């Protein structure tokens, strides 16, 4: 089983369970050091900050869960 990364999505139906997704990596220098964050292409959903970069920039949506005003998207990152 690969690493699971959580994304926030603002609109319903942009991805569904089982969808293959590609990710875009960005990084920022913060007081805590270098942080990495990811976007499901093309601007579908965004992750929170991660301390380590992902090894792969693709994965499979394993869950889309409605919250109060957003949707939480869980993506299993492809293994090497």
Protein backbone atom coordinates (compact mmCIF):
# COMPACT_ATOMS: atom_id res chain seq x y z
CA UNK A 1 0.00 0.00 0.00
CA UNK A 2 1.33 3.41 -0.98
CA UNK A 3 1.36 6.66 0.95
CA UNK A 4 -2.03 8.35 1.42
CA UNK A 5 -2.22 12.12 0.91
CA UNK A 6 -5.30 14.20 1.78
CA UNK A 7 -6.47 17.03 -0.51
CA UNK A 8 -9.21 19.63 -0.09
CA UNK A 9 -11.59 20.13 -3.01
CA UNK A 10 -14.15 22.94 -3.12
CA UNK A 11 -16.58 21.64 -5.75
CA UNK A 12 -18.35 18.31 -5.95
CA UNK A 13 -17.75 15.82 -8.73
CA UNK A 14 -14.32 16.93 -10.02
CA UNK A 15 -12.86 13.51 -9.16
CA UNK A 16 -14.35 10.22 -7.97
CA UNK A 17 -13.08 7.05 -6.32
CA UNK A 18 -10.92 5.04 -8.70
CA UNK A 19 -9.81 8.02 -10.80
CA UNK A 20 -6.12 8.16 -11.71
CA UNK A 21 -4.67 11.61 -11.00
CA UNK A 22 -1.45 13.46 -11.74
CA UNK A 23 0.02 15.87 -9.20
CA UNK A 24 1.93 19.14 -9.45
CA UNK A 25 4.61 19.76 -6.80
CA UNK A 26 5.43 23.16 -5.33
CA UNK A 27 7.64 24.07 -2.41
CA UNK A 28 7.96 26.98 -0.02
CA UNK A 29 10.61 28.04 2.47
CA UNK A 30 9.03 28.55 5.88
CA UNK A 31 10.23 29.10 9.44
CA UNK A 32 9.92 25.30 9.84
CA UNK A 33 12.13 24.68 6.79
CA UNK A 34 11.31 23.56 3.26
CA UNK A 35 7.67 22.48 2.89
CA UNK A 36 6.08 20.73 -0.09
CA UNK A 37 2.48 20.98 -1.24
CA UNK A 38 0.67 19.34 -4.11
CA UNK A 39 -2.18 20.14 -6.46
CA UNK A 40 -4.23 17.55 -8.33
CA UNK A 41 -3.89 18.66 -11.96
CA UNK A 42 -5.54 20.85 -13.24
CA UNK A 43 -6.21 22.84 -10.06
CA UNK A 44 -8.81 20.34 -8.79
CA UNK A 45 -7.69 20.05 -5.16
CA UNK A 46 -4.75 21.03 -2.93
CA UNK A 47 -2.87 19.22 -0.19
CA UNK A 48 -1.69 20.64 3.09
CA UNK A 49 2.06 21.18 3.60
CA UNK A 50 4.26 18.09 3.76
CA UNK A 51 7.77 18.00 5.21
CA UNK A 52 9.10 15.54 2.61
CA UNK A 53 8.59 15.44 -1.14
CA UNK A 54 6.59 12.59 -2.66
CA UNK A 55 8.55 10.01 -4.65
CA UNK A 56 5.92 9.86 -7.40
CA UNK A 57 3.56 12.50 -8.79
CA UNK A 58 0.65 10.20 -9.62
CA UNK A 59 -1.89 8.14 -7.73
CA UNK A 60 -5.42 6.83 -7.41
CA UNK A 61 -8.34 8.48 -5.63
CA UNK A 62 -9.43 6.07 -2.90
CA UNK A 63 -12.02 8.23 -1.13
CA UNK A 64 -14.01 11.46 -1.60
CA UNK A 65 -15.67 12.53 1.64
CA UNK A 66 -18.04 15.51 1.92
CA UNK A 67 -17.32 17.91 4.80
CA UNK A 68 -19.24 21.03 5.86
CA UNK A 69 -18.12 23.29 2.99
CA UNK A 70 -15.46 21.22 1.18
CA UNK A 71 -14.67 17.69 0.04
CA UNK A 72 -11.73 15.71 1.40
CA UNK A 73 -10.04 13.67 -1.31
CA UNK A 74 -7.71 10.82 -0.29
CA UNK A 75 -5.14 9.79 -2.90
CA UNK A 76 -2.93 6.71 -2.68
CA UNK A 77 0.41 7.69 -4.22
CA UNK A 78 1.93 5.20 -6.67
CA UNK A 79 4.78 3.14 -5.30
CA UNK A 80 8.12 3.01 -7.07
